[in-house]
Amino acid sequence: MNIKKTVTIFVMMLCSTVNVYAEGSRIGFVNINLLLQKAPQAQAATSRLEEAFGDRKIEVLDFQKRCKKMGEDLEKEGAALSKQQKQRKLLKIRSCSSELKLMDEEYGADLRIAQAEELQKLQKLVFKMVDRVAKDEQFDLIVNESVIFASPRVDISRTVLNALKSMSGNGDNGASVETAQ
């Protein structure tokens, strides 16, 4: 009986302490996905990727058109060609298709790596900005999308987005993550 009473008193004290602490706490919510999509630094990263990979994309598409044209030419001229000529053209088409597949795979792999690097830089910047806003506005706890419900009253996503935009307006499109500290 004595242990039961002690445990009950301990639980009651713990609950009352949590309530007192919760009343003085300031909790905020942030939508990280929104920030990663709408931040000017995200748009700058997309532009950098398009600039870096645009020529390769065009090269792959041009090579694809050449391979397709070779197949169309064989269809058109097929009846007039000898068996040996058809075999040579088919071999060239297969070779072209294999080379195209390899080019496309290399392009895709390189693009995914570059996208992952850009995303990592952007995430680091966004997290630092969330941290800065939380400290500046004296939040005790910031939660993200994992929460089932968050009142718009505690959503600081727009505040962080505005901070990212003002940072971008200063000519920094995320190139220097350290300035967000």
N, C-alpha and C. Protein backbone atom coordinates (compact mmCIF):
# COMPACT_ATOMS: atom_id res chain seq x y z
N MET A 1 0.82 -1.18 0.00
CA MET A 1 0.00 0.00 0.00
C MET A 1 0.86 1.25 0.00
N ASN A 2 1.92 1.23 0.74
CA ASN A 2 2.81 2.38 0.85
C ASN A 2 3.48 2.70 -0.49
N ILE A 3 3.89 1.69 -1.23
CA ILE A 3 4.52 1.88 -2.53
C ILE A 3 3.52 2.48 -3.51
N LYS A 4 2.31 1.99 -3.48
CA LYS A 4 1.27 2.49 -4.37
C LYS A 4 1.01 3.97 -4.11
N LYS A 5 0.98 4.35 -2.86
CA LYS A 5 0.75 5.74 -2.48
C LYS A 5 1.92 6.62 -2.94
N THR A 6 3.13 6.14 -2.77
CA THR A 6 4.32 6.88 -3.17
C THR A 6 4.35 7.08 -4.68
N VAL A 7 4.04 6.05 -5.43
CA VAL A 7 4.01 6.14 -6.89
C VAL A 7 2.94 7.13 -7.33
N THR A 8 1.78 7.08 -6.70
CA THR A 8 0.69 8.00 -7.05
C THR A 8 1.10 9.45 -6.79
N ILE A 9 1.71 9.71 -5.66
CA ILE A 9 2.16 11.07 -5.33
C ILE A 9 3.23 11.51 -6.32
N PHE A 10 4.16 10.62 -6.65
CA PHE A 10 5.22 10.95 -7.61
C PHE A 10 4.64 11.31 -8.98
N VAL A 11 3.68 10.51 -9.46
CA VAL A 11 3.05 10.77 -10.76
C VAL A 11 2.31 12.10 -10.73
N MET A 12 1.61 12.39 -9.64
CA MET A 12 0.88 13.65 -9.53
C MET A 12 1.85 14.84 -9.54
N MET A 13 2.96 14.71 -8.85
CA MET A 13 3.96 15.78 -8.84
C MET A 13 4.56 15.97 -10.22
N LEU A 14 4.84 14.87 -10.89
CA LEU A 14 5.41 14.93 -12.23
C LEU A 14 4.45 15.62 -13.19
N CYS A 15 3.19 15.26 -13.14
CA CYS A 15 2.18 15.88 -14.01
C CYS A 15 2.03 17.36 -13.73
N SER A 16 2.05 17.74 -12.48
CA SER A 16 1.91 19.17 -12.16
C SER A 16 3.14 19.94 -12.62
N THR A 17 4.32 19.35 -12.55
CA THR A 17 5.53 20.00 -13.04
C THR A 17 5.48 20.17 -14.55
N VAL A 18 5.01 19.16 -15.26
CA VAL A 18 4.90 19.24 -16.71
C VAL A 18 3.93 20.35 -17.10
N ASN A 19 2.80 20.45 -16.41
CA ASN A 19 1.83 21.50 -16.72
C ASN A 19 2.41 22.89 -16.49
N VAL A 20 3.12 23.07 -15.39
CA VAL A 20 3.73 24.37 -15.11
C VAL A 20 4.75 24.70 -16.19
N TYR A 21 5.57 23.73 -16.57
CA TYR A 21 6.57 23.96 -17.59
C TYR A 21 5.92 24.25 -18.94
N ALA A 22 4.87 23.49 -19.27
CA ALA A 22 4.21 23.66 -20.57
C ALA A 22 3.58 25.04 -20.70
N GLU A 23 3.07 25.59 -19.61
CA GLU A 23 2.46 26.92 -19.67
C GLU A 23 3.48 27.98 -20.03
N GLY A 24 4.71 27.83 -19.58
CA GLY A 24 5.75 28.82 -19.86
C GLY A 24 6.50 28.55 -21.14
N SER A 25 6.25 27.43 -21.78
CA SER A 25 6.97 27.05 -22.98
C SER A 25 6.37 27.71 -24.21
N ARG A 26 7.23 27.95 -25.16
CA ARG A 26 6.77 28.49 -26.44
C ARG A 26 7.10 27.44 -27.50
N ILE A 27 6.07 26.94 -28.17
CA ILE A 27 6.23 25.87 -29.15
C ILE A 27 5.87 26.40 -30.52
N GLY A 28 6.66 26.04 -31.53
CA GLY A 28 6.39 26.45 -32.90
C GLY A 28 6.38 25.26 -33.84
N PHE A 29 5.80 25.47 -34.98
CA PHE A 29 5.72 24.44 -36.02
C PHE A 29 6.34 25.00 -37.28
N VAL A 30 7.05 24.16 -38.02
CA VAL A 30 7.62 24.60 -39.30
C VAL A 30 7.40 23.52 -40.35
N ASN A 31 7.01 23.95 -41.53
CA ASN A 31 6.79 23.04 -42.65
C ASN A 31 8.06 23.05 -43.51
N ILE A 32 8.92 22.09 -43.26
CA ILE A 32 10.22 22.02 -43.94
C ILE A 32 10.03 21.85 -45.45
N ASN A 33 9.08 21.01 -45.86
CA ASN A 33 8.86 20.79 -47.30
C ASN A 33 8.48 22.09 -48.00
N LEU A 34 7.64 22.90 -47.38
CA LEU A 34 7.26 24.19 -47.95
C LEU A 34 8.50 25.06 -48.13
N LEU A 35 9.35 25.09 -47.12
CA LEU A 35 10.56 25.91 -47.19
C LEU A 35 11.51 25.42 -48.27
N LEU A 36 11.65 24.10 -48.38
CA LEU A 36 12.54 23.54 -49.40
C LEU A 36 12.03 23.81 -50.81
N GLN A 37 10.73 23.97 -50.97
CA GLN A 37 10.16 24.24 -52.29
C GLN A 37 10.13 25.72 -52.62
N LYS A 38 9.81 26.57 -51.65
CA LYS A 38 9.54 27.97 -51.94
C LYS A 38 10.70 28.92 -51.67
N ALA A 39 11.73 28.46 -51.01
CA ALA A 39 12.86 29.34 -50.71
C ALA A 39 13.53 29.78 -52.01
N PRO A 40 13.92 31.04 -52.09
CA PRO A 40 14.61 31.51 -53.30
C PRO A 40 15.90 30.72 -53.56
N GLN A 41 16.51 30.23 -52.49
CA GLN A 41 17.73 29.44 -52.65
C GLN A 41 17.44 28.13 -53.38
N ALA A 42 16.22 27.59 -53.23
CA ALA A 42 15.83 26.37 -53.96
C ALA A 42 15.73 26.67 -55.44
N GLN A 43 15.15 27.81 -55.77
CA GLN A 43 15.03 28.19 -57.18
C GLN A 43 16.41 28.46 -57.78
N ALA A 44 17.29 29.04 -56.99
CA ALA A 44 18.65 29.29 -57.46
C ALA A 44 19.38 27.96 -57.70
N ALA A 45 19.16 26.99 -56.82
CA ALA A 45 19.78 25.67 -56.99
C ALA A 45 19.26 24.99 -58.25
N THR A 46 17.96 25.11 -58.50
CA THR A 46 17.38 24.54 -59.72
C THR A 46 18.00 25.19 -60.96
N SER A 47 18.18 26.48 -60.92
CA SER A 47 18.79 27.18 -62.05
C SER A 47 20.23 26.73 -62.26
N ARG A 48 20.96 26.55 -61.16
CA ARG A 48 22.35 26.08 -61.28
C ARG A 48 22.39 24.69 -61.91
N LEU A 49 21.46 23.82 -61.50
CA LEU A 49 21.42 22.46 -62.07
C LEU A 49 21.07 22.49 -63.55
N GLU A 50 20.10 23.32 -63.90
CA GLU A 50 19.71 23.43 -65.31
C GLU A 50 20.87 23.94 -66.16
N GLU A 51 21.60 24.89 -65.61
CA GLU A 51 22.75 25.44 -66.34
C GLU A 51 23.86 24.39 -66.47
N ALA A 52 24.10 23.66 -65.40
CA ALA A 52 25.17 22.67 -65.41
C ALA A 52 24.85 21.46 -66.27
N PHE A 53 23.57 21.07 -66.35
CA PHE A 53 23.22 19.83 -67.04
C PHE A 53 22.41 20.05 -68.32
N GLY A 54 22.12 21.29 -68.65
CA GLY A 54 21.32 21.58 -69.84
C GLY A 54 21.93 21.07 -71.13
N ASP A 55 23.23 21.30 -71.30
CA ASP A 55 23.91 20.86 -72.53
C ASP A 55 23.90 19.33 -72.66
N ARG A 56 24.13 18.65 -71.54
CA ARG A 56 24.13 17.18 -71.59
C ARG A 56 22.75 16.64 -71.91
N LYS A 57 21.72 17.28 -71.37
CA LYS A 57 20.35 16.85 -71.65
C LYS A 57 20.06 16.99 -73.14
N ILE A 58 20.46 18.12 -73.71
CA ILE A 58 20.27 18.34 -75.15
C ILE A 58 21.05 17.31 -75.96
N GLU A 59 22.25 17.01 -75.51
CA GLU A 59 23.08 16.01 -76.20
C GLU A 59 22.40 14.64 -76.20
N VAL A 60 21.84 14.24 -75.07
CA VAL A 60 21.15 12.95 -74.97
C VAL A 60 19.92 12.95 -75.88
N LEU A 61 19.15 14.04 -75.86
CA LEU A 61 17.95 14.12 -76.70
C LEU A 61 18.30 14.10 -78.19
N ASP A 62 19.36 14.79 -78.57
CA ASP A 62 19.80 14.78 -79.97
C ASP A 62 20.23 13.37 -80.40
N PHE A 63 20.96 12.69 -79.52
CA PHE A 63 21.40 11.34 -79.84
C PHE A 63 20.20 10.40 -79.96
N GLN A 64 19.20 10.61 -79.12
CA GLN A 64 17.97 9.82 -79.18
C GLN A 64 17.27 10.03 -80.53
N LYS A 65 17.23 11.27 -80.99
CA LYS A 65 16.60 11.57 -82.29
C LYS A 65 17.36 10.88 -83.43
N ARG A 66 18.70 10.88 -83.33
CA ARG A 66 19.50 10.22 -84.39
C ARG A 66 19.20 8.73 -84.43
N CYS A 67 19.12 8.11 -83.26
CA CYS A 67 18.82 6.66 -83.21
C CYS A 67 17.44 6.38 -83.78
N LYS A 68 16.48 7.22 -83.43
CA LYS A 68 15.12 7.04 -83.92
C LYS A 68 15.08 7.20 -85.44
N LYS A 69 15.81 8.19 -85.95
CA LYS A 69 15.85 8.43 -87.40
C LYS A 69 16.47 7.24 -88.12
N MET A 70 17.49 6.64 -87.53
CA MET A 70 18.11 5.45 -88.14
C MET A 70 17.07 4.34 -88.28
N GLY A 71 16.26 4.14 -87.26
CA GLY A 71 15.21 3.12 -87.30
C GLY A 71 14.16 3.43 -88.35
N GLU A 72 13.77 4.70 -88.43
CA GLU A 72 12.77 5.11 -89.42
C GLU A 72 13.31 4.95 -90.84
N ASP A 73 14.59 5.28 -91.02
CA ASP A 73 15.21 5.13 -92.35
C ASP A 73 15.24 3.66 -92.77
N LEU A 74 15.54 2.78 -91.82
CA LEU A 74 15.57 1.35 -92.13
C LEU A 74 14.18 0.87 -92.53
N GLU A 75 13.15 1.36 -91.85
CA GLU A 75 11.78 0.98 -92.20
C GLU A 75 11.44 1.41 -93.63
N LYS A 76 11.82 2.63 -93.96
CA LYS A 76 11.50 3.17 -95.29
C LYS A 76 12.27 2.45 -96.40
N GLU A 77 13.56 2.23 -96.16
CA GLU A 77 14.42 1.68 -97.20
C GLU A 77 14.55 0.16 -97.12
N GLY A 78 13.97 -0.45 -96.11
CA GLY A 78 14.15 -1.88 -95.85
C GLY A 78 13.89 -2.79 -97.03
N ALA A 79 12.86 -2.51 -97.78
CA ALA A 79 12.50 -3.38 -98.91
C ALA A 79 13.54 -3.30 -100.02
N ALA A 80 14.19 -2.16 -100.16
CA ALA A 80 15.15 -1.97 -101.25
C ALA A 80 16.56 -2.44 -100.88
N LEU A 81 16.80 -2.74 -99.61
CA LEU A 81 18.14 -3.11 -99.17
C LEU A 81 18.36 -4.62 -99.24
N SER A 82 19.62 -4.98 -99.46
CA SER A 82 19.97 -6.40 -99.43
C SER A 82 19.98 -6.87 -97.98
N LYS A 83 20.00 -8.19 -97.82
CA LYS A 83 19.99 -8.76 -96.48
C LYS A 83 21.21 -8.29 -95.69
N GLN A 84 22.35 -8.22 -96.34
CA GLN A 84 23.59 -7.80 -95.70
C GLN A 84 23.52 -6.32 -95.28
N GLN A 85 22.94 -5.47 -96.12
CA GLN A 85 22.80 -4.05 -95.80
C GLN A 85 21.85 -3.86 -94.60
N LYS A 86 20.78 -4.65 -94.59
CA LYS A 86 19.84 -4.58 -93.47
C LYS A 86 20.53 -4.97 -92.16
N GLN A 87 21.34 -6.03 -92.24
CA GLN A 87 22.06 -6.50 -91.05
C GLN A 87 23.00 -5.41 -90.51
N ARG A 88 23.72 -4.74 -91.42
CA ARG A 88 24.63 -3.66 -91.01
C ARG A 88 23.87 -2.52 -90.35
N LYS A 89 22.74 -2.14 -90.96
CA LYS A 89 21.94 -1.04 -90.40
C LYS A 89 21.35 -1.44 -89.04
N LEU A 90 20.88 -2.68 -88.93
CA LEU A 90 20.35 -3.15 -87.65
C LEU A 90 21.43 -3.14 -86.57
N LEU A 91 22.64 -3.54 -86.95
CA LEU A 91 23.76 -3.53 -86.02
C LEU A 91 24.06 -2.09 -85.55
N LYS A 92 24.03 -1.14 -86.49
CA LYS A 92 24.26 0.27 -86.15
C LYS A 92 23.16 0.79 -85.22
N ILE A 93 21.92 0.38 -85.49
CA ILE A 93 20.79 0.83 -84.66
C ILE A 93 20.93 0.26 -83.24
N ARG A 94 21.29 -1.01 -83.13
CA ARG A 94 21.49 -1.63 -81.81
C ARG A 94 22.63 -0.95 -81.06
N SER A 95 23.70 -0.67 -81.78
CA SER A 95 24.84 0.02 -81.18
C SER A 95 24.43 1.41 -80.69
N CYS A 96 23.66 2.09 -81.53
CA CYS A 96 23.18 3.43 -81.17
C CYS A 96 22.29 3.36 -79.93
N SER A 97 21.40 2.38 -79.89
CA SER A 97 20.51 2.21 -78.74
C SER A 97 21.29 1.92 -77.46
N SER A 98 22.30 1.07 -77.57
CA SER A 98 23.13 0.74 -76.40
C SER A 98 23.87 1.97 -75.90
N GLU A 99 24.44 2.71 -76.84
CA GLU A 99 25.17 3.93 -76.48
C GLU A 99 24.22 4.96 -75.85
N LEU A 100 23.02 5.06 -76.41
CA LEU A 100 22.02 5.99 -75.87
C LEU A 100 21.65 5.61 -74.44
N LYS A 101 21.44 4.32 -74.21
CA LYS A 101 21.08 3.85 -72.88
C LYS A 101 22.19 4.19 -71.88
N LEU A 102 23.43 3.98 -72.27
CA LEU A 102 24.57 4.29 -71.41
C LEU A 102 24.66 5.79 -71.14
N MET A 103 24.51 6.60 -72.19
CA MET A 103 24.54 8.06 -72.03
C MET A 103 23.44 8.52 -71.07
N ASP A 104 22.25 7.99 -71.26
CA ASP A 104 21.10 8.38 -70.44
C ASP A 104 21.31 7.98 -68.98
N GLU A 105 21.85 6.79 -68.75
CA GLU A 105 22.10 6.33 -67.38
C GLU A 105 23.16 7.19 -66.70
N GLU A 106 24.23 7.52 -67.42
CA GLU A 106 25.29 8.37 -66.85
C GLU A 106 24.76 9.76 -66.55
N TYR A 107 23.99 10.31 -67.48
CA TYR A 107 23.39 11.63 -67.28
C TYR A 107 22.48 11.62 -66.05
N GLY A 108 21.62 10.62 -65.97
CA GLY A 108 20.69 10.52 -64.84
C GLY A 108 21.41 10.37 -63.51
N ALA A 109 22.44 9.54 -63.48
CA ALA A 109 23.19 9.32 -62.25
C ALA A 109 23.90 10.61 -61.81
N ASP A 110 24.55 11.28 -62.75
CA ASP A 110 25.24 12.53 -62.43
C ASP A 110 24.25 13.60 -61.95
N LEU A 111 23.10 13.67 -62.60
CA LEU A 111 22.08 14.64 -62.21
C LEU A 111 21.56 14.35 -60.80
N ARG A 112 21.30 13.08 -60.50
CA ARG A 112 20.80 12.72 -59.17
C ARG A 112 21.82 13.06 -58.08
N ILE A 113 23.09 12.83 -58.36
CA ILE A 113 24.14 13.16 -57.39
C ILE A 113 24.18 14.67 -57.15
N ALA A 114 24.14 15.44 -58.23
CA ALA A 114 24.17 16.90 -58.10
C ALA A 114 22.92 17.41 -57.38
N GLN A 115 21.76 16.82 -57.67
CA GLN A 115 20.52 17.22 -56.99
C GLN A 115 20.62 16.93 -55.49
N ALA A 116 21.17 15.77 -55.15
CA ALA A 116 21.31 15.40 -53.74
C ALA A 116 22.24 16.37 -53.02
N GLU A 117 23.32 16.76 -53.69
CA GLU A 117 24.26 17.72 -53.09
C GLU A 117 23.59 19.07 -52.87
N GLU A 118 22.84 19.53 -53.86
CA GLU A 118 22.13 20.81 -53.74
C GLU A 118 21.08 20.75 -52.64
N LEU A 119 20.36 19.63 -52.56
CA LEU A 119 19.34 19.46 -51.53
C LEU A 119 19.97 19.47 -50.15
N GLN A 120 21.11 18.82 -50.02
CA GLN A 120 21.80 18.77 -48.73
C GLN A 120 22.22 20.18 -48.30
N LYS A 121 22.75 20.97 -49.22
CA LYS A 121 23.13 22.36 -48.90
C LYS A 121 21.90 23.16 -48.48
N LEU A 122 20.81 23.00 -49.23
CA LEU A 122 19.59 23.74 -48.94
C LEU A 122 19.00 23.33 -47.59
N GLN A 123 18.99 22.04 -47.30
CA GLN A 123 18.48 21.57 -46.01
C GLN A 123 19.29 22.15 -44.87
N LYS A 124 20.60 22.16 -45.04
CA LYS A 124 21.48 22.71 -44.01
C LYS A 124 21.16 24.19 -43.78
N LEU A 125 20.97 24.93 -44.85
CA LEU A 125 20.63 26.35 -44.75
C LEU A 125 19.28 26.55 -44.07
N VAL A 126 18.27 25.78 -44.49
CA VAL A 126 16.93 25.90 -43.92
C VAL A 126 16.95 25.56 -42.43
N PHE A 127 17.64 24.49 -42.05
CA PHE A 127 17.69 24.11 -40.64
C PHE A 127 18.39 25.19 -39.81
N LYS A 128 19.45 25.78 -40.36
CA LYS A 128 20.13 26.86 -39.64
C LYS A 128 19.22 28.07 -39.50
N MET A 129 18.43 28.35 -40.54
CA MET A 129 17.51 29.49 -40.47
C MET A 129 16.39 29.23 -39.47
N VAL A 130 15.87 28.01 -39.44
CA VAL A 130 14.85 27.65 -38.44
C VAL A 130 15.44 27.84 -37.04
N ASP A 131 16.65 27.38 -36.86
CA ASP A 131 17.33 27.51 -35.57
C ASP A 131 17.47 28.99 -35.19
N ARG A 132 17.87 29.81 -36.16
CA ARG A 132 18.06 31.24 -35.89
C ARG A 132 16.74 31.92 -35.52
N VAL A 133 15.68 31.64 -36.30
CA VAL A 133 14.37 32.23 -36.01
C VAL A 133 13.87 31.75 -34.64
N ALA A 134 14.06 30.48 -34.35
CA ALA A 134 13.62 29.94 -33.06
C ALA A 134 14.34 30.64 -31.91
N LYS A 135 15.63 30.87 -32.06
CA LYS A 135 16.38 31.55 -31.00
C LYS A 135 15.99 33.03 -30.92
N ASP A 136 15.87 33.68 -32.08
CA ASP A 136 15.51 35.11 -32.09
C ASP A 136 14.14 35.35 -31.48
N GLU A 137 13.21 34.44 -31.73
CA GLU A 137 11.84 34.62 -31.23
C GLU A 137 11.59 33.83 -29.94
N GLN A 138 12.66 33.27 -29.38
CA GLN A 138 12.64 32.59 -28.08
C GLN A 138 11.65 31.43 -28.00
N PHE A 139 11.71 30.55 -28.98
CA PHE A 139 10.92 29.33 -28.93
C PHE A 139 11.67 28.29 -28.11
N ASP A 140 10.92 27.47 -27.40
CA ASP A 140 11.51 26.39 -26.62
C ASP A 140 11.54 25.09 -27.41
N LEU A 141 10.61 24.96 -28.36
CA LEU A 141 10.50 23.73 -29.13
C LEU A 141 9.94 24.05 -30.50
N ILE A 142 10.57 23.51 -31.54
CA ILE A 142 10.06 23.62 -32.91
C ILE A 142 9.84 22.20 -33.41
N VAL A 143 8.65 21.94 -33.94
CA VAL A 143 8.33 20.62 -34.48
C VAL A 143 8.08 20.76 -35.98
N ASN A 144 8.13 19.63 -36.69
CA ASN A 144 7.92 19.68 -38.14
C ASN A 144 6.70 18.87 -38.55
N GLU A 145 6.64 18.45 -39.80
CA GLU A 145 5.47 17.78 -40.38
C GLU A 145 5.07 16.49 -39.68
N SER A 146 5.93 15.93 -38.87
CA SER A 146 5.62 14.68 -38.18
C SER A 146 4.47 14.84 -37.19
N VAL A 147 4.11 16.06 -36.89
CA VAL A 147 3.03 16.34 -35.95
C VAL A 147 1.70 16.14 -36.65
N ILE A 148 0.75 15.57 -35.96
CA ILE A 148 -0.57 15.31 -36.54
C ILE A 148 -1.35 16.60 -36.73
N PHE A 149 -1.25 17.52 -35.80
CA PHE A 149 -1.96 18.79 -35.92
C PHE A 149 -1.09 19.91 -35.38
N ALA A 150 -1.11 21.03 -36.08
CA ALA A 150 -0.43 22.24 -35.60
C ALA A 150 -1.31 23.43 -35.95
N SER A 151 -1.62 24.21 -34.97
CA SER A 151 -2.43 25.41 -35.18
C SER A 151 -1.64 26.42 -36.01
N PRO A 152 -2.30 27.14 -36.90
CA PRO A 152 -1.60 28.18 -37.67
C PRO A 152 -0.93 29.21 -36.77
N ARG A 153 -1.42 29.33 -35.54
CA ARG A 153 -0.85 30.27 -34.58
C ARG A 153 0.62 29.95 -34.26
N VAL A 154 0.98 28.66 -34.29
CA VAL A 154 2.35 28.27 -33.94
C VAL A 154 3.22 28.01 -35.17
N ASP A 155 2.67 28.17 -36.36
CA ASP A 155 3.40 27.89 -37.60
C ASP A 155 4.35 29.05 -37.92
N ILE A 156 5.64 28.78 -37.87
CA ILE A 156 6.64 29.82 -38.16
C ILE A 156 7.23 29.66 -39.56
N SER A 157 6.63 28.81 -40.38
CA SER A 157 7.16 28.56 -41.73
C SER A 157 7.30 29.85 -42.53
N ARG A 158 6.28 30.70 -42.50
CA ARG A 158 6.33 31.96 -43.25
C ARG A 158 7.43 32.88 -42.73
N THR A 159 7.62 32.90 -41.42
CA THR A 159 8.68 33.73 -40.84
C THR A 159 10.04 33.27 -41.34
N VAL A 160 10.25 31.95 -41.33
CA VAL A 160 11.52 31.40 -41.81
C VAL A 160 11.67 31.66 -43.31
N LEU A 161 10.59 31.47 -44.07
CA LEU A 161 10.64 31.73 -45.51
C LEU A 161 10.98 33.19 -45.79
N ASN A 162 10.39 34.10 -45.05
CA ASN A 162 10.70 35.52 -45.23
C ASN A 162 12.16 35.81 -44.88
N ALA A 163 12.68 35.14 -43.86
CA ALA A 163 14.09 35.31 -43.51
C ALA A 163 14.99 34.78 -44.63
N LEU A 164 14.60 33.65 -45.22
CA LEU A 164 15.37 33.11 -46.35
C LEU A 164 15.30 34.06 -47.55
N LYS A 165 14.11 34.65 -47.77
CA LYS A 165 13.96 35.59 -48.88
C LYS A 165 14.79 36.84 -48.65
N SER A 166 14.81 37.34 -47.42
CA SER A 166 15.61 38.54 -47.16
C SER A 166 17.09 38.22 -47.29
N MET A 167 17.47 37.01 -46.94
CA MET A 167 18.85 36.59 -47.11
C MET A 167 19.19 36.53 -48.60
N SER A 168 18.23 36.04 -49.39
CA SER A 168 18.41 35.96 -50.84
C SER A 168 18.48 37.35 -51.45
N GLY A 169 17.71 38.29 -50.91
CA GLY A 169 17.69 39.66 -51.41
C GLY A 169 19.02 40.37 -51.20
N ASN A 170 19.82 39.85 -50.29
CA ASN A 170 21.13 40.43 -50.04
C ASN A 170 22.18 39.88 -51.00
N GLY A 171 21.72 39.17 -52.03
CA GLY A 171 22.65 38.64 -53.03
C GLY A 171 23.16 37.26 -52.69
N ASP A 172 22.71 36.68 -51.59
CA ASP A 172 23.16 35.35 -51.19
C ASP A 172 22.06 34.36 -51.48
N ASN A 173 22.26 33.52 -52.48
CA ASN A 173 21.26 32.52 -52.84
C ASN A 173 21.61 31.16 -52.27
N GLY A 174 22.14 31.16 -51.08
CA GLY A 174 22.44 29.89 -50.44
C GLY A 174 23.87 29.44 -50.65
N ALA A 175 24.67 30.24 -51.33
CA ALA A 175 26.04 29.86 -51.58
C ALA A 175 26.83 29.82 -50.28
N SER A 176 26.47 30.68 -49.34
CA SER A 176 27.17 30.74 -48.07
C SER A 176 26.22 30.38 -46.94
N VAL A 177 26.28 29.16 -46.50
CA VAL A 177 25.39 28.68 -45.45
C VAL A 177 25.78 29.31 -44.11
N GLU A 178 27.05 29.61 -43.93
CA GLU A 178 27.51 30.11 -42.65
C GLU A 178 26.88 31.46 -42.29
N THR A 179 26.44 32.23 -43.26
CA THR A 179 25.84 33.54 -42.95
C THR A 179 24.50 33.41 -42.29
N ALA A 180 23.91 32.23 -42.29
CA ALA A 180 22.60 32.02 -41.68
C ALA A 180 22.69 31.81 -40.18
N GLN A 181 23.88 31.74 -39.63
CA GLN A 181 24.02 31.46 -38.19
C GLN A 181 23.69 32.67 -37.36
